Structure formats: structure tokens, C-alpha cells
Amino acid sequence: MLRVLDIPEAIRLRGWPGDLTTAVPIEIENGDGDRGRWMLQIKAGKAELVPTHVQGQVTFTRHQLAVWYAGGYRSTTSARMAGVHAVSEKTLATLVRSTTRFEPWLPDHF
């Protein structure tokens, strides 16, 4: 089981595709049902996650975020079947592709 505690730091430390440049607003549901809005920016093999006020194009629960982070969604179909909400198939495909090529380095905690 993977639980991402410090989401921005985990995103920063993970490996990302060097050929992918994208910025995707995402929302992550907290344990109390509220959603945090974040901008995920990936460029040249690095990524950062910063707070934003922009409405998310993809919404993850904390559990779904951990599965995505670990490369567990191999297609947009598997992500949608797991309940991941996305306004665009292309955006969801970009996020899925960004984590399937590189296995993350998983220390005990972030």
C-alpha cells in the first residue's frame, strides 16, 4: 500500500518523461470530502505541483492519486473504471502516460 503524505514533494522527487511538456489542473479530494486544486507542471523530466484556483480537469481521491503515482493505471479505461473523473480523454491519457513508463522511487515516507 502506498500513501502519499507530502504530495508536492512526492511529485517533485518522482521520475517523469523527458519528452513530455504539460500543465494540467487537477483536484485531489481530502479525507473530509473537500478538494484541493493544484496545477501539475511536467517539463524535461521534472515536475512540480503548486496550488491554484483553476478548476481541475482531472479529479483524484487520495487513493486514486497513489495508484496513478505508482503507475497503476495502464489506460484511461482502467482509470475511469476506478472512478477517476476527467473532463477530457486526452488530458487523462497524458496523465496516465506520464506515470506508466517510470516506476517511482518509494522511500518509507515523504
Protein backbone atom coordinates (compact mmCIF):
# COMPACT_ATOMS: atom_id res chain seq x y z
CA MET A 1 0.00 0.00 0.00
CA LEU A 2 1.23 3.44 -0.90
CA ARG A 3 0.08 6.57 0.88
CA VAL A 4 1.45 9.86 -0.39
CA LEU A 5 1.75 12.23 2.57
CA ASP A 6 3.54 15.23 1.06
CA ILE A 7 2.06 15.34 -2.42
CA PRO A 8 4.09 18.27 -3.88
CA GLU A 9 7.38 16.78 -2.65
CA ALA A 10 6.49 13.29 -3.90
CA ILE A 11 5.69 14.76 -7.33
CA ARG A 12 8.99 16.65 -7.37
CA LEU A 13 11.04 13.54 -6.49
CA ARG A 14 9.41 11.10 -8.91
CA GLY A 15 10.83 10.33 -12.37
CA TRP A 16 8.93 11.88 -15.29
CA PRO A 17 9.15 11.51 -19.08
CA GLY A 18 11.79 13.78 -20.58
CA ASP A 19 9.78 14.23 -23.76
CA LEU A 20 6.58 15.40 -22.07
CA THR A 21 5.70 19.05 -21.50
CA THR A 22 2.28 19.67 -19.99
CA ALA A 23 0.38 21.64 -17.38
CA VAL A 24 -2.79 20.04 -16.04
CA PRO A 25 -5.03 21.44 -13.32
CA ILE A 26 -6.04 18.60 -11.01
CA GLU A 27 -8.19 18.33 -7.93
CA ILE A 28 -7.39 15.99 -5.06
CA GLU A 29 -10.12 15.07 -2.61
CA ASN A 30 -9.13 15.31 1.02
CA GLY A 31 -10.32 12.84 3.63
CA ASP A 32 -13.15 15.19 4.66
CA GLY A 33 -14.59 15.47 1.14
CA ASP A 34 -13.08 18.87 0.30
CA ARG A 35 -10.98 19.20 -2.84
CA GLY A 36 -7.62 20.89 -3.15
CA ARG A 37 -6.87 22.49 -6.50
CA TRP A 38 -3.39 22.00 -7.91
CA MET A 39 -1.52 22.71 -11.12
CA LEU A 40 0.70 19.81 -12.21
CA GLN A 41 3.50 21.00 -14.47
CA ILE A 42 5.79 18.49 -16.18
CA LYS A 43 8.74 19.53 -18.33
CA ALA A 44 12.11 17.99 -19.26
CA GLY A 45 11.81 15.05 -16.87
CA LYS A 46 10.84 17.15 -13.85
CA ALA A 47 7.52 18.08 -12.33
CA GLU A 48 6.04 20.35 -9.73
CA LEU A 49 2.65 20.64 -8.11
CA VAL A 50 1.56 24.08 -6.98
CA PRO A 51 -1.74 25.32 -5.51
CA THR A 52 -4.10 27.03 -7.95
CA HIS A 53 -7.62 28.41 -8.16
CA VAL A 54 -8.20 26.87 -11.60
CA GLN A 55 -10.87 24.18 -11.69
CA GLY A 56 -9.36 20.73 -12.18
CA GLN A 57 -9.59 18.82 -15.43
CA VAL A 58 -8.93 15.56 -13.56
CA THR A 59 -10.14 14.68 -10.06
CA PHE A 60 -8.45 12.09 -7.85
CA THR A 61 -9.27 10.78 -4.40
CA ARG A 62 -6.15 10.28 -2.25
CA HIS A 63 -6.30 6.56 -3.04
CA GLN A 64 -6.61 7.17 -6.80
CA LEU A 65 -3.70 9.62 -6.64
CA ALA A 66 -1.49 6.93 -5.05
CA VAL A 67 -2.45 4.40 -7.74
CA TRP A 68 -1.73 6.94 -10.51
CA TYR A 69 1.55 7.99 -8.86
CA ALA A 70 2.71 4.36 -8.72
CA GLY A 71 1.84 3.79 -12.39
CA GLY A 72 -1.12 1.57 -11.59
CA TYR A 73 -3.41 2.93 -14.28
CA ARG A 74 -2.27 1.42 -17.58
CA SER A 75 -5.00 3.02 -19.69
CA THR A 76 -7.66 5.70 -19.46
CA THR A 77 -10.22 2.90 -19.33
CA SER A 78 -8.67 1.43 -16.18
CA ALA A 79 -8.54 4.89 -14.59
CA ARG A 80 -12.17 5.62 -15.40
CA MET A 81 -13.25 2.17 -14.18
CA ALA A 82 -11.54 3.01 -10.88
CA GLY A 83 -13.65 6.18 -10.67
CA VAL A 84 -11.15 8.82 -11.81
CA HIS A 85 -13.13 11.75 -13.22
CA ALA A 86 -11.73 13.68 -16.19
CA VAL A 87 -13.30 16.30 -18.44
CA SER A 88 -11.13 15.23 -21.38
CA GLU A 89 -9.95 11.82 -22.58
CA LYS A 90 -6.78 13.48 -23.94
CA THR A 91 -5.90 15.04 -20.59
CA LEU A 92 -6.43 11.76 -18.75
CA ALA A 93 -4.34 9.93 -21.37
CA THR A 94 -1.50 12.41 -20.81
CA LEU A 95 -1.58 11.81 -17.05
CA VAL A 96 -1.70 8.03 -17.46
CA ARG A 97 1.21 8.12 -19.92
CA SER A 98 3.26 10.27 -17.56
CA THR A 99 3.42 7.57 -14.87
CA THR A 100 3.43 4.27 -16.78
CA ARG A 101 6.97 4.50 -18.19
CA PHE A 102 8.83 5.17 -14.95
CA GLU A 103 8.49 3.27 -11.70
CA PRO A 104 8.73 5.69 -8.77
CA TRP A 105 11.41 5.58 -6.15
CA LEU A 106 9.47 4.77 -2.97
CA PRO A 107 11.17 5.68 0.30
CA ASP A 108 9.39 4.95 3.56
CA HIS A 109 7.81 8.40 3.69
CA PHE A 110 7.94 11.85 2.13
